[in-house]
Amino acid sequence: PETDKSPWLNRIPWAATLLLLIGCAALGVMYFRRPVPVAKPVRLFVNPPEKATRFEKPRLSPDNRTLAFVATVADQRQIWLRPMGSSTAKPLAGTESVDGLFWSPDSQFIGFSAGGKLNKIALSGGSATTLCPATVGGLSGDWNQDGTIIFGSVGKGISRISATGGSPSDITTVDEAQGEISHFSPAFLPDGRHFFYSVENKDPNKQGIYLSSLDGGDARLILPTNGRASAVEAVEDPETPGAGYLLFV
C-alpha cells in the first residue's frame, strides 16, 4: 500500500504548480485584452467676474487644479483664481496693476509683472515678493523645475533670473540692425532647458517663433508668426507615444 500511494503524492505539487501557471496565464490574457479607456474631451465655461470690463490671459496651473486669469473690475486690474472644482473665482490680493502672469512648476506660486517689476506671490496669498525691475508692457515668462525664470519685456531680449531673486542676465539680445523690436513670451520645453520665444520685427515677414536654450547660442526660426507658443507633450496617445506638439495662435 505504501508503494501504491507514493506516485500520486509525488505528483500533487506538480499538478498544483501547473494549475497555478494556467490561472496566471488566463489572468494575464484577460488583463492585456481589456479595453483601453479613451480620453474624452472636457468642456467648460469660464465666465468673467461680475462687472468685469476686461477678462484675459488665462493660465492653467501645472497640476490642472487652478485657473488664473487677469480681470479688470471697477478699474482694478488684478489676478483672479478659480479652482477647477468651483464655479466662482476670487481676486488675488497683492497683484494689482498686473500685466503678464505664469505659474511655478509646483503650482504653488504665480510669477507676474506689475509696477515695473517682476514679482512672485504664493497661491495661498500674502505679500508679493519683488524679484527684479522689469519694463512693464507685455511682459510674460516661464518657470522651470530647477528654479529658473525666463522672461521678456518691451524693447529687450529674453532674460533669466533665479526664482529666489537676484540680478537677471541676458540670454538673447534684440538685433536692431535686422529690424527686431522685442523678444517676448518665452515658454520652456519639457526638458526645462530649451524654450520657444516670439520675435517682434519691423518687417512682418521676419517675425516668428524661435527656439533657443538657457545655454544661449544661435536661435532657430520655427514658425513665421507673431503669436505666443507653448510646447506640450501628448498624453496617453498610443499612436504617437512620447510625441510633442507646438501650440500657437
C-alpha atoms as a PDB file:
ATOM      1  CA  PRO A   1       0.000   0.000   0.000  1.00  0.00           C
ATOM      2  CA  GLU A   2       2.801   2.480   0.755  1.00  0.00           C
ATOM      3  CA  THR A   3       4.278   1.990  -2.707  1.00  0.00           C
ATOM      4  CA  ASP A   4       0.854   2.483  -4.386  1.00  0.00           C
ATOM      5  CA  LYS A   5       0.241   5.928  -2.793  1.00  0.00           C
ATOM      6  CA  SER A   6       3.691   7.497  -3.218  1.00  0.00           C
ATOM      7  CA  PRO A   7       3.475   8.160  -7.009  1.00  0.00           C
ATOM      8  CA  TRP A   8       0.243  10.162  -6.537  1.00  0.00           C
ATOM      9  CA  LEU A   9       1.649  12.039  -3.577  1.00  0.00           C
ATOM     10  CA  ASN A  10       4.693  12.973  -5.626  1.00  0.00           C
ATOM     11  CA  ARG A  11       2.506  14.327  -8.449  1.00  0.00           C
ATOM     12  CA  ILE A  12       0.359  16.666  -6.287  1.00  0.00           C
ATOM     13  CA  PRO A  13       2.917  19.571  -6.095  1.00  0.00           C
ATOM     14  CA  TRP A  14       3.489  19.409  -9.832  1.00  0.00           C
ATOM     15  CA  ALA A  15      -0.242  19.428 -10.540  1.00  0.00           C
ATOM     16  CA  ALA A  16      -0.783  22.410  -8.208  1.00  0.00           C
ATOM     17  CA  THR A  17       2.053  24.307  -9.887  1.00  0.00           C
ATOM     18  CA  LEU A  18       0.580  23.590 -13.334  1.00  0.00           C
ATOM     19  CA  LEU A  19      -2.870  24.842 -12.272  1.00  0.00           C
ATOM     20  CA  LEU A  20      -1.304  27.982 -10.811  1.00  0.00           C
ATOM     21  CA  LEU A  21       0.537  28.724 -14.064  1.00  0.00           C
ATOM     22  CA  ILE A  22      -2.633  28.181 -16.100  1.00  0.00           C
ATOM     23  CA  GLY A  23      -4.532  30.549 -13.804  1.00  0.00           C
ATOM     24  CA  CYS A  24      -1.836  33.244 -14.090  1.00  0.00           C
ATOM     25  CA  ALA A  25      -1.780  32.913 -17.873  1.00  0.00           C
ATOM     26  CA  ALA A  26      -5.561  33.296 -18.028  1.00  0.00           C
ATOM     27  CA  LEU A  27      -5.477  36.403 -15.837  1.00  0.00           C
ATOM     28  CA  GLY A  28      -2.696  37.845 -17.974  1.00  0.00           C
ATOM     29  CA  VAL A  29      -4.703  37.349 -21.159  1.00  0.00           C
ATOM     30  CA  MET A  30      -7.743  38.964 -19.554  1.00  0.00           C
ATOM     31  CA  TYR A  31      -5.659  41.957 -18.371  1.00  0.00           C
ATOM     32  CA  PHE A  32      -3.991  42.701 -21.681  1.00  0.00           C
ATOM     33  CA  ARG A  33      -7.208  42.220 -23.665  1.00  0.00           C
ATOM     34  CA  ARG A  34      -9.240  44.609 -21.554  1.00  0.00           C
ATOM     35  CA  PRO A  35     -10.339  47.745 -23.436  1.00  0.00           C
ATOM     36  CA  VAL A  36      -8.086  50.795 -23.121  1.00  0.00           C
ATOM     37  CA  PRO A  37     -10.059  53.775 -21.720  1.00  0.00           C
ATOM     38  CA  VAL A  38     -10.483  56.507 -24.291  1.00  0.00           C
ATOM     39  CA  ALA A  39      -9.619  60.044 -23.145  1.00  0.00           C
ATOM     40  CA  LYS A  40     -12.684  62.229 -23.567  1.00  0.00           C
ATOM     41  CA  PRO A  41     -12.581  65.994 -24.099  1.00  0.00           C
ATOM     42  CA  VAL A  42     -13.646  68.198 -21.209  1.00  0.00           C
ATOM     43  CA  ARG A  43     -15.655  71.306 -21.990  1.00  0.00           C
ATOM     44  CA  LEU A  44     -16.446  74.042 -19.518  1.00  0.00           C
ATOM     45  CA  PHE A  45     -17.349  77.707 -19.490  1.00  0.00           C
ATOM     46  CA  VAL A  46     -15.320  80.244 -17.527  1.00  0.00           C
ATOM     47  CA  ASN A  47     -17.320  83.404 -17.156  1.00  0.00           C
ATOM     48  CA  PRO A  48     -15.696  86.737 -16.297  1.00  0.00           C
ATOM     49  CA  PRO A  49     -16.256  88.154 -12.800  1.00  0.00           C
ATOM     50  CA  GLU A  50     -19.373  90.247 -12.349  1.00  0.00           C
ATOM     51  CA  LYS A  51     -18.979  93.797 -13.723  1.00  0.00           C
ATOM     52  CA  ALA A  52     -15.610  92.947 -15.306  1.00  0.00           C
ATOM     53  CA  THR A  53     -14.674  95.204 -18.212  1.00  0.00           C
ATOM     54  CA  ARG A  54     -11.702  93.067 -19.275  1.00  0.00           C
ATOM     55  CA  PHE A  55     -11.097  89.325 -18.975  1.00  0.00           C
ATOM     56  CA  GLU A  56      -7.876  87.878 -20.409  1.00  0.00           C
ATOM     57  CA  LYS A  57      -4.647  85.854 -20.148  1.00  0.00           C
ATOM     58  CA  PRO A  58      -5.962  82.590 -18.706  1.00  0.00           C
ATOM     59  CA  ARG A  59      -3.256  80.241 -17.404  1.00  0.00           C
ATOM     60  CA  LEU A  60      -3.996  76.778 -16.028  1.00  0.00           C
ATOM     61  CA  SER A  61      -1.737  75.571 -13.210  1.00  0.00           C
ATOM     62  CA  PRO A  62       0.603  72.641 -13.994  1.00  0.00           C
ATOM     63  CA  ASP A  63      -1.394  70.366 -11.659  1.00  0.00           C
ATOM     64  CA  ASN A  64      -4.582  71.343 -13.559  1.00  0.00           C
ATOM     65  CA  ARG A  65      -6.345  72.353 -10.356  1.00  0.00           C
ATOM     66  CA  THR A  66      -6.454  76.144 -10.585  1.00  0.00           C
ATOM     67  CA  LEU A  67      -7.132  78.611 -13.376  1.00  0.00           C
ATOM     68  CA  ALA A  68      -5.519  82.040 -13.081  1.00  0.00           C
ATOM     69  CA  PHE A  69      -6.544  84.957 -15.263  1.00  0.00           C
ATOM     70  CA  VAL A  70      -6.412  88.741 -15.376  1.00  0.00           C
ATOM     71  CA  ALA A  71      -9.615  90.732 -14.993  1.00  0.00           C
ATOM     72  CA  THR A  72     -10.433  94.395 -14.567  1.00  0.00           C
ATOM     73  CA  VAL A  73     -13.288  95.160 -12.176  1.00  0.00           C
ATOM     74  CA  ALA A  74     -14.118  98.705 -11.049  1.00  0.00           C
ATOM     75  CA  ASP A  75     -10.925  99.946 -12.721  1.00  0.00           C
ATOM     76  CA  GLN A  76      -8.866  97.490 -10.656  1.00  0.00           C
ATOM     77  CA  ARG A  77      -6.767  95.125 -12.773  1.00  0.00           C
ATOM     78  CA  GLN A  78      -5.504  92.057 -10.913  1.00  0.00           C
ATOM     79  CA  ILE A  79      -5.121  88.291 -10.967  1.00  0.00           C
ATOM     80  CA  TRP A  80      -8.176  86.166 -10.246  1.00  0.00           C
ATOM     81  CA  LEU A  81      -8.101  82.492  -9.228  1.00  0.00           C
ATOM     82  CA  ARG A  82     -10.715  79.862  -9.930  1.00  0.00           C
ATOM     83  CA  PRO A  83     -10.301  76.328  -8.513  1.00  0.00           C
ATOM     84  CA  MET A  84     -11.373  73.894 -11.222  1.00  0.00           C
ATOM     85  CA  GLY A  85     -13.726  72.260  -8.730  1.00  0.00           C
ATOM     86  CA  SER A  86     -15.560  75.550  -8.195  1.00  0.00           C
ATOM     87  CA  SER A  87     -17.781  77.714 -10.373  1.00  0.00           C
ATOM     88  CA  THR A  88     -16.572  81.033  -8.948  1.00  0.00           C
ATOM     89  CA  ALA A  89     -13.301  82.958  -8.984  1.00  0.00           C
ATOM     90  CA  LYS A  90     -11.772  85.283  -6.390  1.00  0.00           C
ATOM     91  CA  PRO A  91      -9.235  88.113  -6.765  1.00  0.00           C
ATOM     92  CA  LEU A  92      -5.687  87.550  -5.515  1.00  0.00           C
ATOM     93  CA  ALA A  93      -4.741  90.492  -3.303  1.00  0.00           C
ATOM     94  CA  GLY A  94      -1.297  91.968  -3.926  1.00  0.00           C
ATOM     95  CA  THR A  95      -1.462  91.595  -7.719  1.00  0.00           C
ATOM     96  CA  GLU A  96      -2.949  94.983  -8.568  1.00  0.00           C
ATOM     97  CA  SER A  97      -1.889  96.525 -11.910  1.00  0.00           C
ATOM     98  CA  VAL A  98      -0.746  93.103 -13.127  1.00  0.00           C
ATOM     99  CA  ASP A  99       0.382  92.651 -16.705  1.00  0.00           C
ATOM    100  CA  GLY A 100       1.618  89.142 -17.616  1.00  0.00           C
ATOM    101  CA  LEU A 101       1.500  86.044 -15.395  1.00  0.00           C
ATOM    102  CA  PHE A 102       2.913  82.499 -15.278  1.00  0.00           C
ATOM    103  CA  TRP A 103       2.946  79.530 -12.866  1.00  0.00           C
ATOM    104  CA  SER A 104       5.700  77.858 -10.874  1.00  0.00           C
ATOM    105  CA  PRO A 105       6.135  74.165 -11.812  1.00  0.00           C
ATOM    106  CA  ASP A 106       4.792  73.019  -8.423  1.00  0.00           C
ATOM    107  CA  SER A 107       1.646  75.170  -8.848  1.00  0.00           C
ATOM    108  CA  GLN A 108       2.302  76.910  -5.518  1.00  0.00           C
ATOM    109  CA  PHE A 109       3.388  80.329  -6.847  1.00  0.00           C
ATOM    110  CA  ILE A 110       2.481  82.730  -9.627  1.00  0.00           C
ATOM    111  CA  GLY A 111       5.021  84.975 -11.293  1.00  0.00           C
ATOM    112  CA  PHE A 112       3.716  88.276 -12.614  1.00  0.00           C
ATOM    113  CA  SER A 113       4.749  91.744 -13.723  1.00  0.00           C
ATOM    114  CA  ALA A 114       3.326  94.891 -12.161  1.00  0.00           C
ATOM    115  CA  GLY A 115       4.557  98.398 -11.421  1.00  0.00           C
ATOM    116  CA  GLY A 116       7.713  97.975 -13.492  1.00  0.00           C
ATOM    117  CA  LYS A 117       8.801  94.907 -11.512  1.00  0.00           C
ATOM    118  CA  LEU A 118       8.860  91.132 -11.860  1.00  0.00           C
ATOM    119  CA  ASN A 119       7.191  89.591  -8.824  1.00  0.00           C
ATOM    120  CA  LYS A 120       6.046  86.298  -7.384  1.00  0.00           C
ATOM    121  CA  ILE A 121       3.244  85.522  -4.962  1.00  0.00           C
ATOM    122  CA  ALA A 122       2.112  82.360  -3.189  1.00  0.00           C
ATOM    123  CA  LEU A 123      -1.097  80.732  -4.335  1.00  0.00           C
ATOM    124  CA  SER A 124      -2.241  80.858  -0.705  1.00  0.00           C
ATOM    125  CA  GLY A 125      -1.904  84.657  -0.749  1.00  0.00           C
ATOM    126  CA  GLY A 126       0.179  87.047   1.322  1.00  0.00           C
ATOM    127  CA  SER A 127       2.579  89.742   0.190  1.00  0.00           C
ATOM    128  CA  ALA A 128       4.192  89.620  -3.235  1.00  0.00           C
ATOM    129  CA  THR A 129       7.981  89.324  -3.475  1.00  0.00           C
ATOM    130  CA  THR A 130       9.848  91.502  -5.985  1.00  0.00           C
ATOM    131  CA  LEU A 131      12.459  89.583  -7.979  1.00  0.00           C
ATOM    132  CA  CYS A 132      13.879  92.372 -10.150  1.00  0.00           C
ATOM    133  CA  PRO A 133      12.958  95.510 -12.103  1.00  0.00           C
ATOM    134  CA  ALA A 134      11.306  94.801 -15.456  1.00  0.00           C
ATOM    135  CA  THR A 135       9.858  97.022 -18.132  1.00  0.00           C
ATOM    136  CA  VAL A 136       6.059  96.999 -17.942  1.00  0.00           C
ATOM    137  CA  GLY A 137       4.162  96.200 -21.110  1.00  0.00           C
ATOM    138  CA  GLY A 138       3.566  92.745 -22.495  1.00  0.00           C
ATOM    139  CA  LEU A 139       5.972  91.068 -20.081  1.00  0.00           C
ATOM    140  CA  SER A 140       5.479  87.352 -19.727  1.00  0.00           C
ATOM    141  CA  GLY A 141       7.646  84.457 -18.629  1.00  0.00           C
ATOM    142  CA  ASP A 142       8.027  80.831 -17.648  1.00  0.00           C
ATOM    143  CA  TRP A 143       9.472  78.901 -14.711  1.00  0.00           C
ATOM    144  CA  ASN A 144      11.297  75.556 -14.904  1.00  0.00           C
ATOM    145  CA  GLN A 145      11.798  72.721 -12.421  1.00  0.00           C
ATOM    146  CA  ASP A 146      15.293  73.934 -11.498  1.00  0.00           C
ATOM    147  CA  GLY A 147      14.020  77.279 -10.207  1.00  0.00           C
ATOM    148  CA  THR A 148      14.990  79.357 -13.234  1.00  0.00           C
ATOM    149  CA  ILE A 149      12.612  82.020 -14.529  1.00  0.00           C
ATOM    150  CA  ILE A 150      12.877  83.374 -18.062  1.00  0.00           C
ATOM    151  CA  PHE A 151      11.043  86.499 -19.183  1.00  0.00           C
ATOM    152  CA  GLY A 152      10.840  89.049 -21.949  1.00  0.00           C
ATOM    153  CA  SER A 153       9.992  92.729 -21.836  1.00  0.00           C
ATOM    154  CA  VAL A 154       9.459  95.627 -24.222  1.00  0.00           C
ATOM    155  CA  GLY A 155      12.477  96.510 -26.354  1.00  0.00           C
ATOM    156  CA  LYS A 156      14.663  93.804 -24.853  1.00  0.00           C
ATOM    157  CA  GLY A 157      15.634  90.186 -25.323  1.00  0.00           C
ATOM    158  CA  ILE A 158      14.892  87.170 -23.140  1.00  0.00           C
ATOM    159  CA  SER A 159      16.443  87.269 -19.660  1.00  0.00           C
ATOM    160  CA  ARG A 160      16.859  84.704 -16.896  1.00  0.00           C
ATOM    161  CA  ILE A 161      16.773  85.022 -13.129  1.00  0.00           C
ATOM    162  CA  SER A 162      16.589  82.704 -10.136  1.00  0.00           C
ATOM    163  CA  ALA A 163      13.144  82.209  -8.621  1.00  0.00           C
ATOM    164  CA  THR A 164      14.684  83.448  -5.354  1.00  0.00           C
ATOM    165  CA  GLY A 165      15.621  86.787  -6.949  1.00  0.00           C
ATOM    166  CA  GLY A 166      18.900  88.472  -7.813  1.00  0.00           C
ATOM    167  CA  SER A 167      20.272  90.120 -10.928  1.00  0.00           C
ATOM    168  CA  PRO A 168      18.862  88.971 -14.278  1.00  0.00           C
ATOM    169  CA  SER A 169      21.180  88.001 -17.126  1.00  0.00           C
ATOM    170  CA  ASP A 170      20.502  88.161 -20.856  1.00  0.00           C
ATOM    171  CA  ILE A 171      20.002  85.027 -22.937  1.00  0.00           C
ATOM    172  CA  THR A 172      19.001  86.683 -26.206  1.00  0.00           C
ATOM    173  CA  THR A 173      19.539  90.226 -27.451  1.00  0.00           C
ATOM    174  CA  VAL A 174      17.455  92.325 -29.812  1.00  0.00           C
ATOM    175  CA  ASP A 175      19.157  92.813 -33.184  1.00  0.00           C
ATOM    176  CA  GLU A 176      18.046  96.314 -34.124  1.00  0.00           C
ATOM    177  CA  ALA A 177      20.094  96.207 -37.330  1.00  0.00           C
ATOM    178  CA  GLN A 178      17.803  93.402 -38.502  1.00  0.00           C
ATOM    179  CA  GLY A 179      14.690  95.358 -37.564  1.00  0.00           C
ATOM    180  CA  GLU A 180      13.946  93.464 -34.346  1.00  0.00           C
ATOM    181  CA  ILE A 181      11.911  95.312 -31.723  1.00  0.00           C
ATOM    182  CA  SER A 182      11.374  92.862 -28.860  1.00  0.00           C
ATOM    183  CA  HIS A 183      11.730  89.242 -27.800  1.00  0.00           C
ATOM    184  CA  PHE A 184       8.778  88.137 -25.691  1.00  0.00           C
ATOM    185  CA  SER A 185       6.593  85.297 -24.378  1.00  0.00           C
ATOM    186  CA  PRO A 186       9.240  82.624 -23.695  1.00  0.00           C
ATOM    187  CA  ALA A 187       7.909  79.130 -22.953  1.00  0.00           C
ATOM    188  CA  PHE A 188      10.015  76.192 -21.761  1.00  0.00           C
ATOM    189  CA  LEU A 189      10.004  72.832 -23.484  1.00  0.00           C
ATOM    190  CA  PRO A 190       9.509  69.831 -21.157  1.00  0.00           C
ATOM    191  CA  ASP A 191      13.298  69.440 -20.733  1.00  0.00           C
ATOM    192  CA  GLY A 192      13.439  72.769 -18.871  1.00  0.00           C
ATOM    193  CA  ARG A 193      16.468  73.878 -20.915  1.00  0.00           C
ATOM    194  CA  HIS A 194      15.171  74.759 -24.362  1.00  0.00           C
ATOM    195  CA  PHE A 195      12.443  77.316 -24.887  1.00  0.00           C
ATOM    196  CA  PHE A 196      10.363  78.977 -27.555  1.00  0.00           C
ATOM    197  CA  TYR A 197      10.041  82.743 -27.758  1.00  0.00           C
ATOM    198  CA  SER A 198       8.463  85.255 -30.106  1.00  0.00           C
ATOM    199  CA  VAL A 199      10.293  87.950 -32.046  1.00  0.00           C
ATOM    200  CA  GLU A 200       8.638  91.235 -32.997  1.00  0.00           C
ATOM    201  CA  ASN A 201      10.160  92.786 -36.110  1.00  0.00           C
ATOM    202  CA  LYS A 202       9.512  95.918 -38.171  1.00  0.00           C
ATOM    203  CA  ASP A 203       9.316  93.602 -41.167  1.00  0.00           C
ATOM    204  CA  PRO A 204       6.263  91.328 -40.729  1.00  0.00           C
ATOM    205  CA  ASN A 205       7.986  88.692 -42.867  1.00  0.00           C
ATOM    206  CA  LYS A 206      10.771  88.364 -40.276  1.00  0.00           C
ATOM    207  CA  GLN A 207       8.531  87.911 -37.242  1.00  0.00           C
ATOM    208  CA  GLY A 208       8.223  84.453 -35.829  1.00  0.00           C
ATOM    209  CA  ILE A 209       8.600  81.888 -33.084  1.00  0.00           C
ATOM    210  CA  TYR A 210      12.198  80.931 -32.400  1.00  0.00           C
ATOM    211  CA  LEU A 211      13.889  78.136 -30.468  1.00  0.00           C
ATOM    212  CA  SER A 212      16.802  78.748 -28.105  1.00  0.00           C
ATOM    213  CA  SER A 213      18.196  77.374 -24.830  1.00  0.00           C
ATOM    214  CA  LEU A 214      19.469  78.550 -21.459  1.00  0.00           C
ATOM    215  CA  ASP A 215      22.979  77.980 -22.783  1.00  0.00           C
ATOM    216  CA  GLY A 216      22.436  80.631 -25.436  1.00  0.00           C
ATOM    217  CA  GLY A 217      23.878  80.106 -28.889  1.00  0.00           C
ATOM    218  CA  ASP A 218      22.227  80.541 -32.247  1.00  0.00           C
ATOM    219  CA  ALA A 219      18.446  80.782 -32.255  1.00  0.00           C
ATOM    220  CA  ARG A 220      16.446  78.890 -34.857  1.00  0.00           C
ATOM    221  CA  LEU A 221      13.262  80.051 -36.572  1.00  0.00           C
ATOM    222  CA  ILE A 222      10.488  77.504 -36.016  1.00  0.00           C
ATOM    223  CA  LEU A 223       7.370  79.210 -37.302  1.00  0.00           C
ATOM    224  CA  PRO A 224       6.765  82.534 -39.135  1.00  0.00           C
ATOM    225  CA  THR A 225       4.026  84.018 -36.984  1.00  0.00           C
ATOM    226  CA  ASN A 226       3.765  86.709 -34.306  1.00  0.00           C
ATOM    227  CA  GLY A 227       1.855  84.865 -31.584  1.00  0.00           C
ATOM    228  CA  ARG A 228       2.856  83.138 -28.368  1.00  0.00           C
ATOM    229  CA  ALA A 229       3.839  79.461 -28.480  1.00  0.00           C
ATOM    230  CA  SER A 230       3.703  76.644 -25.951  1.00  0.00           C
ATOM    231  CA  ALA A 231       5.159  73.142 -26.069  1.00  0.00           C
ATOM    232  CA  VAL A 232       3.072  70.264 -24.766  1.00  0.00           C
ATOM    233  CA  GLU A 233       3.554  66.505 -24.598  1.00  0.00           C
ATOM    234  CA  ALA A 234       0.948  64.085 -25.911  1.00  0.00           C
ATOM    235  CA  VAL A 235      -0.929  62.405 -23.053  1.00  0.00           C
ATOM    236  CA  GLU A 236      -1.753  58.686 -23.422  1.00  0.00           C
ATOM    237  CA  ASP A 237      -1.730  58.786 -27.195  1.00  0.00           C
ATOM    238  CA  PRO A 238      -0.980  55.183 -28.323  1.00  0.00           C
ATOM    239  CA  GLU A 239      -0.393  56.290 -31.905  1.00  0.00           C
ATOM    240  CA  THR A 240       2.333  58.786 -31.005  1.00  0.00           C
ATOM    241  CA  PRO A 241       3.986  57.725 -27.717  1.00  0.00           C
ATOM    242  CA  GLY A 242       6.237  60.446 -26.335  1.00  0.00           C
ATOM    243  CA  ALA A 243       5.246  62.911 -29.045  1.00  0.00           C
ATOM    244  CA  GLY A 244       5.219  66.633 -28.501  1.00  0.00           C
ATOM    245  CA  TYR A 245       3.196  69.427 -30.036  1.00  0.00           C
ATOM    246  CA  LEU A 246       3.618  73.139 -30.574  1.00  0.00           C
ATOM    247  CA  LEU A 247       0.539  75.190 -29.756  1.00  0.00           C
ATOM    248  CA  PHE A 248       0.367  78.692 -31.197  1.00  0.00           C
ATOM    249  CA  VAL A 249      -2.002  81.465 -32.299  1.00  0.00           C
END
